[in-house]
N, C-alpha and C. Protein backbone atom coordinates (compact mmCIF):
# COMPACT_ATOMS: atom_id res chain seq x y z
N UNK A 1 99.10 107.61 76.22
CA UNK A 1 99.72 106.35 76.14
C UNK A 1 99.07 105.71 74.90
N UNK A 2 100.19 105.19 74.10
CA UNK A 2 100.04 104.43 72.99
C UNK A 2 99.13 103.19 73.05
N UNK A 3 98.52 102.65 72.18
CA UNK A 3 97.75 101.34 72.31
C UNK A 3 98.54 100.32 72.68
N UNK A 4 99.76 100.07 72.08
CA UNK A 4 100.57 98.97 72.17
C UNK A 4 101.34 99.14 73.73
N UNK A 5 101.51 100.19 74.26
CA UNK A 5 102.09 100.56 75.46
C UNK A 5 101.05 100.05 76.61
N UNK A 6 99.71 100.32 76.12
CA UNK A 6 98.66 99.84 77.02
C UNK A 6 98.57 98.41 76.94
N UNK A 7 98.69 97.81 76.20
CA UNK A 7 98.56 96.43 76.04
C UNK A 7 99.59 95.79 76.66
N UNK A 8 100.99 96.41 76.80
CA UNK A 8 101.92 95.73 77.43
C UNK A 8 101.73 96.04 78.94
N UNK A 9 101.23 97.13 79.51
CA UNK A 9 100.93 97.41 80.57
C UNK A 9 99.79 96.44 81.34
N UNK A 10 98.81 96.29 80.67
CA UNK A 10 97.59 95.34 81.14
C UNK A 10 98.24 93.96 80.93
N UNK A 11 99.09 93.37 80.15
CA UNK A 11 99.46 92.10 80.06
C UNK A 11 100.24 91.82 81.25
N UNK A 12 101.26 92.74 81.62
CA UNK A 12 102.12 92.54 82.65
C UNK A 12 101.13 92.54 84.23
N UNK A 13 100.53 93.33 84.27
CA UNK A 13 99.47 93.52 85.45
C UNK A 13 98.78 92.12 85.56
N UNK A 14 98.10 91.62 84.35
CA UNK A 14 97.39 90.62 84.29
C UNK A 14 98.27 89.24 84.58
N UNK A 15 99.27 89.38 83.98
CA UNK A 15 100.31 87.91 84.26
C UNK A 15 100.74 87.92 85.84
N UNK A 16 101.13 89.07 86.37
CA UNK A 16 101.36 89.12 87.78
C UNK A 16 100.34 88.53 88.61
N UNK A 17 99.12 89.20 88.36
CA UNK A 17 97.75 88.60 89.22
C UNK A 17 97.59 87.06 89.06
N UNK A 18 97.75 86.57 87.79
CA UNK A 18 97.46 85.15 87.61
C UNK A 18 98.61 84.44 87.97
N UNK A 19 99.80 84.74 88.15
CA UNK A 19 100.96 84.00 88.34
C UNK A 19 101.67 84.24 89.76
N UNK A 20 100.81 84.69 90.59
CA UNK A 20 101.29 85.02 92.11
C UNK A 20 102.43 85.96 92.19
N UNK A 21 102.36 86.86 91.55
CA UNK A 21 103.24 88.23 91.46
C UNK A 21 104.55 87.85 90.90
N UNK A 22 104.47 86.75 89.74
CA UNK A 22 105.71 86.50 89.29
C UNK A 22 105.65 87.43 87.82
N UNK A 23 106.89 87.84 87.45
CA UNK A 23 106.99 88.65 86.41
C UNK A 23 107.11 87.83 85.24
N UNK A 24 106.65 88.36 83.90
CA UNK A 24 106.66 87.70 82.48
C UNK A 24 108.13 88.10 82.03
N UNK A 25 108.47 87.06 81.34
CA UNK A 25 109.90 87.35 80.52
C UNK A 25 109.48 88.16 79.39
N UNK A 26 110.41 88.61 78.59
CA UNK A 26 110.11 89.65 77.58
C UNK A 26 109.53 88.95 76.28
N UNK A 27 109.89 87.51 76.28
CA UNK A 27 109.23 86.76 75.21
C UNK A 27 107.88 86.45 75.58
N UNK A 28 107.46 86.56 76.82
CA UNK A 28 106.12 86.17 77.33
C UNK A 28 105.19 87.42 76.94
N UNK A 29 105.83 88.64 77.31
CA UNK A 29 105.16 89.71 76.93
C UNK A 29 104.86 90.05 75.64
N UNK A 30 105.90 89.67 74.81
CA UNK A 30 105.87 89.70 73.27
C UNK A 30 104.80 89.12 72.75
N UNK A 31 104.76 87.74 73.20
CA UNK A 31 103.56 86.66 72.87
C UNK A 31 102.33 87.21 73.30
N UNK A 32 102.16 87.74 74.45
CA UNK A 32 100.99 88.24 74.95
C UNK A 32 100.33 89.47 74.18
N UNK A 33 101.23 90.27 73.65
CA UNK A 33 100.63 91.26 72.95
C UNK A 33 100.76 91.27 71.40
N UNK A 34 101.09 89.84 71.05
CA UNK A 34 101.03 89.64 69.41
C UNK A 34 102.14 90.16 68.84
N UNK A 35 103.42 89.81 69.35
CA UNK A 35 104.39 90.20 68.41
C UNK A 35 105.77 89.32 68.87
N UNK A 36 106.79 89.12 67.93
CA UNK A 36 107.91 88.28 68.22
C UNK A 36 108.99 89.31 68.61
N UNK A 37 109.02 90.51 68.56
CA UNK A 37 110.04 91.43 68.47
C UNK A 37 110.28 91.65 70.05
N UNK A 38 111.25 91.22 70.82
CA UNK A 38 111.49 91.24 72.24
C UNK A 38 112.10 92.54 72.44
N UNK A 39 112.90 93.08 71.26
CA UNK A 39 113.52 94.50 71.34
C UNK A 39 112.37 95.52 71.48
N UNK A 40 111.41 95.32 70.69
CA UNK A 40 110.47 96.44 70.75
C UNK A 40 109.68 96.48 72.00
N UNK A 41 109.54 95.17 72.73
CA UNK A 41 108.87 95.21 74.02
C UNK A 41 109.73 95.83 74.92
N UNK A 42 111.04 95.45 75.06
CA UNK A 42 111.94 96.06 75.81
C UNK A 42 111.89 97.79 75.88
N UNK A 43 111.70 98.09 74.76
CA UNK A 43 111.76 99.69 74.62
C UNK A 43 110.32 100.17 75.05
N UNK A 44 109.55 99.42 74.67
CA UNK A 44 108.11 99.86 75.52
C UNK A 44 108.01 99.99 77.01
N UNK A 45 108.43 98.79 77.38
CA UNK A 45 108.92 98.71 78.97
C UNK A 45 109.78 99.96 79.47
N UNK A 46 110.69 100.19 78.73
CA UNK A 46 111.63 101.43 79.19
C UNK A 46 110.85 102.69 79.19
N UNK A 47 109.99 102.85 78.01
CA UNK A 47 109.17 104.06 77.96
C UNK A 47 108.23 104.20 79.16
N UNK A 48 107.41 103.07 79.36
CA UNK A 48 106.55 103.15 80.45
C UNK A 48 107.29 103.46 81.74
N UNK A 49 108.27 102.86 81.87
CA UNK A 49 109.25 103.10 83.20
C UNK A 49 109.51 104.45 83.37
N UNK A 50 110.11 105.09 82.30
CA UNK A 50 110.61 106.31 82.22
C UNK A 50 109.49 107.48 82.66
N UNK A 51 108.36 107.23 82.01
CA UNK A 51 107.32 108.02 82.42
C UNK A 51 106.35 107.66 83.63
N UNK A 52 106.94 106.83 84.49
CA UNK A 52 106.47 106.40 85.80
C UNK A 52 105.24 105.64 85.67
N UNK A 53 104.66 105.00 84.61
CA UNK A 53 103.68 104.22 84.32
C UNK A 53 103.91 102.82 84.69
N UNK A 54 105.08 102.48 84.94
CA UNK A 54 105.53 100.88 85.23
C UNK A 54 106.88 101.17 85.98
N UNK A 55 106.48 100.57 87.30
CA UNK A 55 107.69 100.53 88.29
C UNK A 55 108.56 99.43 88.19
N UNK A 56 109.72 99.69 87.80
CA UNK A 56 110.93 98.47 87.69
C UNK A 56 112.26 98.99 87.96
N UNK A 57 112.88 98.21 88.71
CA UNK A 57 114.17 98.51 89.16
C UNK A 57 115.29 98.42 88.17
N UNK A 58 115.00 97.26 87.30
CA UNK A 58 115.94 97.02 86.06
C UNK A 58 115.13 96.46 85.14
N UNK A 59 114.96 96.89 84.03
CA UNK A 59 114.21 96.16 82.75
C UNK A 59 114.17 94.90 82.60
N UNK A 60 115.45 94.47 82.45
CA UNK A 60 115.64 93.09 81.85
C UNK A 60 116.67 92.51 82.66
N UNK A 61 116.70 91.07 83.08
CA UNK A 61 117.60 90.21 83.74
C UNK A 61 118.39 89.76 82.44
N UNK A 62 119.55 89.91 82.23
CA UNK A 62 120.21 89.34 81.09
C UNK A 62 120.25 87.95 81.06
N UNK A 63 120.58 87.33 82.27
CA UNK A 63 120.68 85.97 82.35
C UNK A 63 119.57 85.15 82.02
N UNK A 64 118.14 85.76 82.57
CA UNK A 64 116.95 84.83 82.27
C UNK A 64 116.13 85.61 81.21
N UNK A 65 116.11 86.99 80.93
CA UNK A 65 115.44 87.47 79.86
C UNK A 65 114.11 88.15 80.62
N UNK A 66 114.03 87.82 81.94
CA UNK A 66 112.89 88.32 82.59
C UNK A 66 113.18 89.80 83.31
N UNK A 67 112.30 90.22 83.76
CA UNK A 67 112.29 91.54 84.54
C UNK A 67 112.83 91.27 85.88
N UNK A 68 113.43 92.11 86.36
CA UNK A 68 113.97 92.19 87.86
C UNK A 68 113.36 93.39 88.49
N UNK A 69 112.98 92.97 89.85
CA UNK A 69 112.75 94.11 90.62
C UNK A 69 113.15 94.16 92.08
N UNK A 70 112.96 95.06 92.76
CA UNK A 70 113.46 95.14 94.09
C UNK A 70 112.03 94.55 95.07
N UNK A 71 111.67 95.60 96.00
CA UNK A 71 110.52 95.28 96.88
C UNK A 71 109.28 95.10 96.09
N UNK A 72 108.30 94.24 96.67
CA UNK A 72 107.06 94.10 96.07
C UNK A 72 107.27 93.55 94.71
N UNK A 73 108.36 92.75 94.21
CA UNK A 73 108.25 92.18 92.83
C UNK A 73 108.90 92.98 92.05
N UNK A 74 109.01 94.35 92.12
CA UNK A 74 109.95 95.33 91.50
C UNK A 74 108.93 95.68 90.12
N UNK A 75 108.09 95.16 89.48
CA UNK A 75 107.53 95.60 88.52
C UNK A 75 105.98 95.85 88.62
N UNK A 76 105.52 96.68 88.54
CA UNK A 76 103.93 96.85 88.70
C UNK A 76 103.60 98.31 88.08
N UNK A 77 102.16 98.35 88.30
CA UNK A 77 101.66 99.73 87.90
C UNK A 77 102.26 101.02 88.61
N UNK A 78 102.39 101.91 87.77
CA UNK A 78 102.71 103.23 88.50
C UNK A 78 101.74 104.14 88.90
N UNK A 79 102.09 105.46 88.75
CA UNK A 79 100.84 106.39 88.96
C UNK A 79 99.82 106.45 88.02
N UNK A 80 99.91 107.31 87.02
CA UNK A 80 98.97 107.38 85.94
C UNK A 80 99.00 106.34 84.71
N UNK A 81 97.91 105.55 84.78
CA UNK A 81 97.84 104.30 83.99
C UNK A 81 96.89 104.60 82.99
N UNK A 82 96.18 105.71 82.64
CA UNK A 82 95.12 105.75 81.75
C UNK A 82 95.85 106.16 80.29
């Protein structure tokens, strides 16, 4: 896993823990990992999802810019997170 992917994954997990399982928006993730580029964050999330390291039903809700999920909040750690 690339360092920036690891930071994104850790930020999302930490955000969910501190916000009662609420998912961060792309802009919150971008700020949390030190970038303004939300498109880059979207691609990183998609890469993590494709590899099964982040479980998400749909990467982005176009209306709110936030992640969307199904059961259990929809976005969370997958299997291999190392």
